[in-house]
Every structure is written in structure tokens, then in C-alpha cells.
Protein backbone atom coordinates (compact mmCIF):
# COMPACT_ATOMS: atom_id res chain seq x y z
CA MET A 1 128.79 101.83 76.58
CA THR A 2 127.19 98.73 78.97
CA LYS A 3 123.89 98.55 78.78
CA TYR A 4 122.17 99.43 81.81
CA ILE A 5 118.97 101.34 82.37
CA ASP A 6 118.35 103.09 85.55
CA VAL A 7 114.12 103.63 86.57
CA HIS A 8 114.65 106.14 88.94
CA SER A 9 116.18 109.37 88.86
CA ARG A 10 115.40 113.30 88.57
CA LEU A 11 116.05 115.82 86.65
CA GLY A 12 115.90 119.54 85.52
CA PRO A 13 116.12 122.84 88.08
CA GLY A 14 115.11 122.26 91.87
CA ARG A 15 116.50 122.97 95.13
CA PRO A 16 120.19 122.31 95.39
CA HIS A 17 120.20 118.88 96.20
CA GLU A 18 117.85 117.86 93.80
CA THR A 19 119.04 119.88 91.24
CA ARG A 20 120.38 118.07 87.99
CA PRO A 21 120.77 119.59 84.76
CA VAL A 22 120.93 117.51 81.61
CA ASP A 23 124.44 117.61 80.52
CA GLN A 24 125.39 116.50 84.66
CA ALA A 25 122.67 113.81 84.61
CA LEU A 26 124.19 112.21 80.84
CA ARG A 27 128.08 112.62 82.44
CA GLU A 28 126.72 110.60 85.07
CA MET A 29 125.48 107.37 83.43
CA ASP A 30 128.23 107.33 80.71
CA ALA A 31 131.01 107.51 83.57
CA ALA A 32 128.98 104.75 85.29
CA GLY A 33 127.74 102.56 82.28
CA PHE A 34 124.31 103.60 81.73
CA GLU A 35 122.56 103.63 78.47
CA ARG A 36 119.07 104.78 79.62
CA ALA A 37 117.53 106.38 82.87
CA TRP A 38 113.44 106.82 83.50
CA VAL A 39 113.72 110.76 84.74
CA CYS A 40 111.03 112.29 86.50
CA PRO A 41 110.76 116.34 86.87
CA THR A 42 111.54 117.91 90.17
CA GLU A 43 109.63 118.19 93.56
CA ALA A 44 108.18 122.03 92.98
CA PHE A 45 106.56 119.84 89.66
CA THR A 46 105.85 117.41 91.00
CA ALA A 47 103.65 118.82 93.23
CA VAL A 48 102.14 121.84 92.02
CA ASP A 49 104.01 123.02 88.46
CA ASN A 50 103.02 119.17 86.28
CA ARG A 51 102.79 121.13 82.82
CA GLN A 52 105.86 122.64 82.94
CA GLY A 53 108.16 119.86 84.88
CA ASN A 54 106.16 117.47 82.04
CA ASP A 55 107.21 119.45 79.00
CA PHE A 56 110.62 119.86 80.45
CA ILE A 57 110.55 116.20 80.62
CA ALA A 58 109.34 115.36 76.86
CA GLN A 59 112.24 117.66 76.06
CA ALA A 60 115.13 116.32 77.14
CA LEU A 61 113.31 113.14 75.32
CA ALA A 62 113.48 115.17 72.09
CA LEU A 63 116.88 115.73 72.54
CA HIS A 64 117.84 112.65 73.30
CA PRO A 65 115.90 109.68 72.44
CA ASP A 66 118.02 107.21 73.27
CA ARG A 67 118.79 107.97 76.67
CA PHE A 68 116.41 109.06 78.59
CA ILE A 69 112.27 107.51 79.74
CA GLY A 70 110.13 110.36 80.87
CA CYS A 71 108.63 109.65 83.52
CA ALA A 72 105.21 111.77 83.71
CA VAL A 73 103.84 113.45 87.19
CA SER A 74 100.03 115.28 87.71
CA ASN A 75 98.68 116.10 90.88
CA PRO A 76 95.57 113.84 91.99
CA TRP A 77 94.12 117.34 93.49
CA TYR A 78 93.91 118.37 90.55
CA GLY A 79 90.75 116.40 89.48
CA LYS A 80 89.93 116.28 86.02
CA THR A 81 92.32 118.21 85.12
CA ALA A 82 95.24 116.29 86.46
CA VAL A 83 93.59 113.65 84.42
CA THR A 84 93.47 115.58 81.13
CA GLU A 85 97.47 116.78 81.95
CA LEU A 86 98.41 113.31 82.39
CA ARG A 87 97.01 112.60 78.87
CA ARG A 88 98.84 115.15 77.32
CA ALA A 89 102.41 114.14 78.78
CA PHE A 90 101.52 110.56 77.73
CA HIS A 91 100.80 112.01 74.38
CA SER A 92 103.59 114.21 74.62
CA GLY A 93 106.26 110.83 74.31
CA LEU A 94 106.33 110.05 78.81
CA ARG A 95 106.22 106.73 79.28
CA VAL A 96 105.60 106.01 83.00
CA LEU A 97 103.29 107.83 86.06
CA TYR A 98 104.93 109.03 89.28
CA LEU A 99 103.48 109.38 92.36
CA CYS A 100 104.90 111.11 95.49
CA PRO A 101 102.62 111.43 97.97
CA PRO A 102 104.56 112.99 101.09
CA VAL A 103 105.20 115.96 97.72
CA GLN A 104 101.50 115.57 96.32
CA GLY A 105 99.70 116.04 99.91
CA PHE A 106 98.12 112.38 99.57
CA GLN A 107 98.09 108.63 100.92
CA LEU A 108 98.87 105.96 98.18
CA SER A 109 95.93 104.25 98.63
CA ASP A 110 93.76 106.73 98.89
CA GLU A 111 90.58 106.54 95.64
CA LEU A 112 91.68 109.93 95.11
CA VAL A 113 94.60 108.45 92.71
CA ASP A 114 92.00 106.53 90.79
CA PRO A 115 91.35 108.31 87.71
CA LEU A 116 95.34 108.67 86.70
CA LEU A 117 95.17 105.24 87.15
CA ASN A 118 93.17 104.64 85.18
CA VAL A 119 94.30 107.06 82.38
CA ALA A 120 97.89 104.98 82.97
CA LEU A 121 96.15 101.34 82.40
CA GLU A 122 95.19 102.95 79.04
CA PHE A 123 98.36 104.20 78.12
CA SER A 124 99.75 100.76 79.30
CA ALA A 125 102.19 103.01 81.69
CA PRO A 126 103.48 101.45 84.87
CA VAL A 127 103.65 103.79 88.12
CA TYR A 128 106.27 104.43 90.01
CA ALA A 129 105.07 105.61 93.28
CA HIS A 130 107.73 106.48 96.04
CA THR A 131 107.84 104.87 99.72
CA GLY A 132 109.36 104.79 103.11
CA THR A 133 107.43 107.99 104.32
CA PRO A 134 105.09 107.55 107.00
CA VAL A 135 101.77 108.20 107.35
CA CYS A 136 100.84 108.39 103.43
CA ALA A 137 103.81 106.78 101.05
CA MET A 138 103.72 103.52 103.61
CA PRO A 139 104.08 99.46 101.42
CA PHE A 140 101.64 98.15 102.55
CA GLN A 141 99.21 101.35 101.56
CA LEU A 142 100.65 100.56 98.06
CA ALA A 143 100.03 97.07 97.69
CA ALA A 144 96.47 97.97 98.37
CA LEU A 145 96.74 100.36 95.61
CA ALA A 146 98.46 96.87 93.69
CA ARG A 147 95.37 94.24 94.09
CA ARG A 148 93.16 97.02 93.78
CA HIS A 149 94.99 97.93 90.29
CA PRO A 150 95.91 94.61 88.73
CA GLY A 151 96.41 95.36 85.39
CA ILE A 152 98.94 97.94 86.30
CA LYS A 153 102.75 97.49 86.80
CA PHE A 154 103.87 99.93 90.20
CA ILE A 155 107.05 99.88 91.50
CA MET A 156 107.94 100.28 94.90
CA GLY A 157 110.55 103.55 95.01
CA HIS A 158 112.85 102.87 97.54
CA MET A 159 111.73 99.27 99.01
CA GLY A 160 109.94 101.33 101.88
CA PHE A 161 113.57 103.06 103.16
CA ALA A 162 113.89 104.74 105.45
CA ASP A 163 111.37 104.30 107.96
CA PHE A 164 109.21 101.18 105.99
CA TRP A 165 112.03 98.62 104.72
CA TYR A 166 110.96 95.73 107.00
CA ASP A 167 107.01 95.99 105.04
CA ALA A 168 108.41 95.70 101.61
CA VAL A 169 108.77 92.34 101.02
CA PRO A 170 105.82 90.99 102.93
CA ALA A 171 104.00 94.17 101.25
CA ALA A 172 105.30 92.64 97.48
CA ARG A 173 104.64 89.15 98.47
CA SER A 174 100.99 90.82 98.49
CA ALA A 175 100.87 91.36 95.08
CA ASP A 176 101.82 89.46 92.20
CA ASN A 177 102.46 93.43 89.89
CA ILE A 178 104.76 94.99 92.52
CA TRP A 179 108.67 95.06 91.43
CA LEU A 180 110.78 96.08 94.08
CA GLU A 181 113.26 99.36 93.24
CA THR A 182 116.84 99.37 94.71
CA SER A 183 118.31 103.09 95.33
CA LEU A 184 119.23 103.65 98.90
CA ILE A 185 118.06 100.51 100.53
CA ASP A 186 120.09 98.10 102.73
CA ASP A 187 121.89 95.38 100.36
CA THR A 188 120.75 92.47 102.83
CA ILE A 189 117.34 93.90 101.86
CA ILE A 190 117.51 93.33 98.58
CA ILE A 191 118.94 90.59 99.17
CA GLU A 192 116.10 89.00 101.00
CA ALA A 193 113.80 90.55 99.01
CA ILE A 194 115.28 87.86 96.08
CA GLU A 195 115.08 85.04 97.99
CA LYS A 196 111.24 86.35 99.33
CA ILE A 197 110.12 86.91 95.76
CA GLY A 198 112.49 86.72 92.78
CA ILE A 199 114.98 87.99 91.36
CA GLU A 200 112.44 89.10 88.57
CA ARG A 201 111.02 91.39 90.43
CA VAL A 202 113.69 93.34 91.48
CA LEU A 203 114.78 96.82 89.51
CA PHE A 204 117.68 98.76 89.65
CA GLY A 205 117.29 102.89 90.88
CA SER A 206 119.71 105.52 91.97
CA ALA A 207 118.15 108.58 93.15
CA ALA A 208 120.25 110.50 91.79
CA PRO A 209 120.83 113.36 92.93
CA LEU A 210 119.57 112.40 96.18
CA SER A 211 122.20 109.50 95.73
CA ALA A 212 124.87 108.99 93.70
CA LEU A 213 124.79 106.56 91.48
CA LEU A 214 128.25 105.17 91.05
CA PRO A 215 127.74 104.44 94.71
CA GLU A 216 124.21 102.84 94.48
CA VAL A 217 125.24 100.68 90.73
CA GLU A 218 128.84 99.52 92.71
CA LYS A 219 126.11 98.10 95.68
CA ILE A 220 124.23 96.09 93.15
CA GLN A 221 127.57 94.72 91.03
CA THR A 222 128.46 93.84 94.59
CA LEU A 223 126.02 91.46 95.67
CA PRO A 224 126.95 87.83 96.06
CA LEU A 225 125.18 86.52 92.55
CA PRO A 226 126.03 85.29 89.51
CA ARG A 227 126.39 87.65 86.61
CA GLU A 228 123.07 86.57 85.12
CA SER A 229 121.47 88.04 87.91
CA ILE A 230 122.96 91.07 88.52
CA GLU A 231 122.22 91.99 84.37
CA LYS A 232 118.71 91.22 85.78
CA ILE A 233 118.32 93.81 88.27
CA LEU A 234 121.23 96.12 86.24
CA ARG A 235 119.43 96.58 83.00
CA ILE A 236 117.32 92.97 82.01
CA ASN A 237 113.82 93.79 84.08
CA ALA A 238 113.98 96.91 82.87
CA GLU A 239 113.56 95.75 79.50
CA ARG A 240 110.99 93.55 80.21
CA ILE A 241 109.03 96.00 82.18
CA LEU A 242 108.97 98.95 79.98
CA PRO A 243 110.27 97.53 76.34
């Protein structure tokens, strides 16, 4: 198996377009040459039932510790309860904080999320943030958040797709603790990102099952780049951001 790493996918039950059982995810990963995947819960768990979602991901990790890296969810509107749940999720083995403002109902740059980011910093956990949805999840909002928390590694989900792709690279240039994730976005934007911020800050994500793993990886494999650069996007950069 090729040792690729997918830094964004969903796992578990949900609405039809997002449901992805564990065995299905493993089959897709094997077919595309992926050793590991960062996995987050589906939308209902991300928005409301945080504890159940985190427990589902923790159970998948317990069964397949060499295949999955768990992303914790905790809605910042729950205040102290959210902080307690995030700590519990990290103690259970989850290693990344997943933020989805349009689902969780907050603006990405809002100080509401700061208590959760303080916990992420304490656990040395990177933060994956969905971007591309107006008015709450835009690249420059993530840049403001990243500058406010310079000790945290932030991943800009989907590079601002679909409405704010043109802000992705300028926003990342304004905060050097932002990495760009490739799911859904056009290959020309990925090349621009490599040229302007460097190959080391680009990470592969599939957004499965919203997108499909095989076409997403083929998009990267066919970029006009040397093999070592392709390897950085598909594996090496993810190993560096989360050893």
C-alpha cells in the first residue's frame, strides 16, 4: 500500500450524502493507496451531539489505530461544556480540532471559539477549519484567527471553495501558521498556492464522501510537479504537521 495520508474526510452515520461506514472508508482508502485518514464526525454530531460523534470516532480509532486519526468536534456555543467535551475527546485519543462554522453557527474569527483553541494549544492539536461559506467561514477570517493564535497550526479546509477561492492564497500569506487543504478546489489554484506560499504548506484532503477519494488523489497526481513535490502533498507534509 502506498503511504498516502488524507487530512479531511467524514466517517459514520448521517444524511445520505455524508454517510460513510468504517468498512466503506477502509475499502476506498485501500483502493486509492491511502494508509491513514483524518476522520471527523458527520454534521449532526458536529453541530449538536458532539459527545456521541467523538465517541464514534474514538471507537473507530480503537478498532483501526493504524488507519485513522481522529478529529474532535465541540460546538463553541456550549461554552464551558464545549471545553470539557474537547478535553475529554483529546484524552480519548482524538488529535485534531475540527471547526465547521456554517454547521456550528458562528463566525470563524469570533472570540467565541478562543476557549476551544486554548485547549487545542494545550494538547498541541492542529485545527482544521472549513472555509468557503459566506458570511461565516471565509479565508481572511481564518487568517485573523491564526494571527490571534500563532502557536496553533491551522488548516484551511477546501482553500475557500467555492465562493472565496481567490482569497485563499492571500490569506495564507498573511499568517504563516496556515496550511492549505486541497479538496474540491481547482488544480490551478493549488499550483498558485505552491508558487506563492510553498509546497510545504499544502496538504491533501478528499472531503469524502462529499467528494470521491480517487478523483481527488488523481487531481494531485497529475499536477505538473516533480514526484517529490507530489509526495509532499500526499504524505510528507501531513506527517510533519502531525507526527
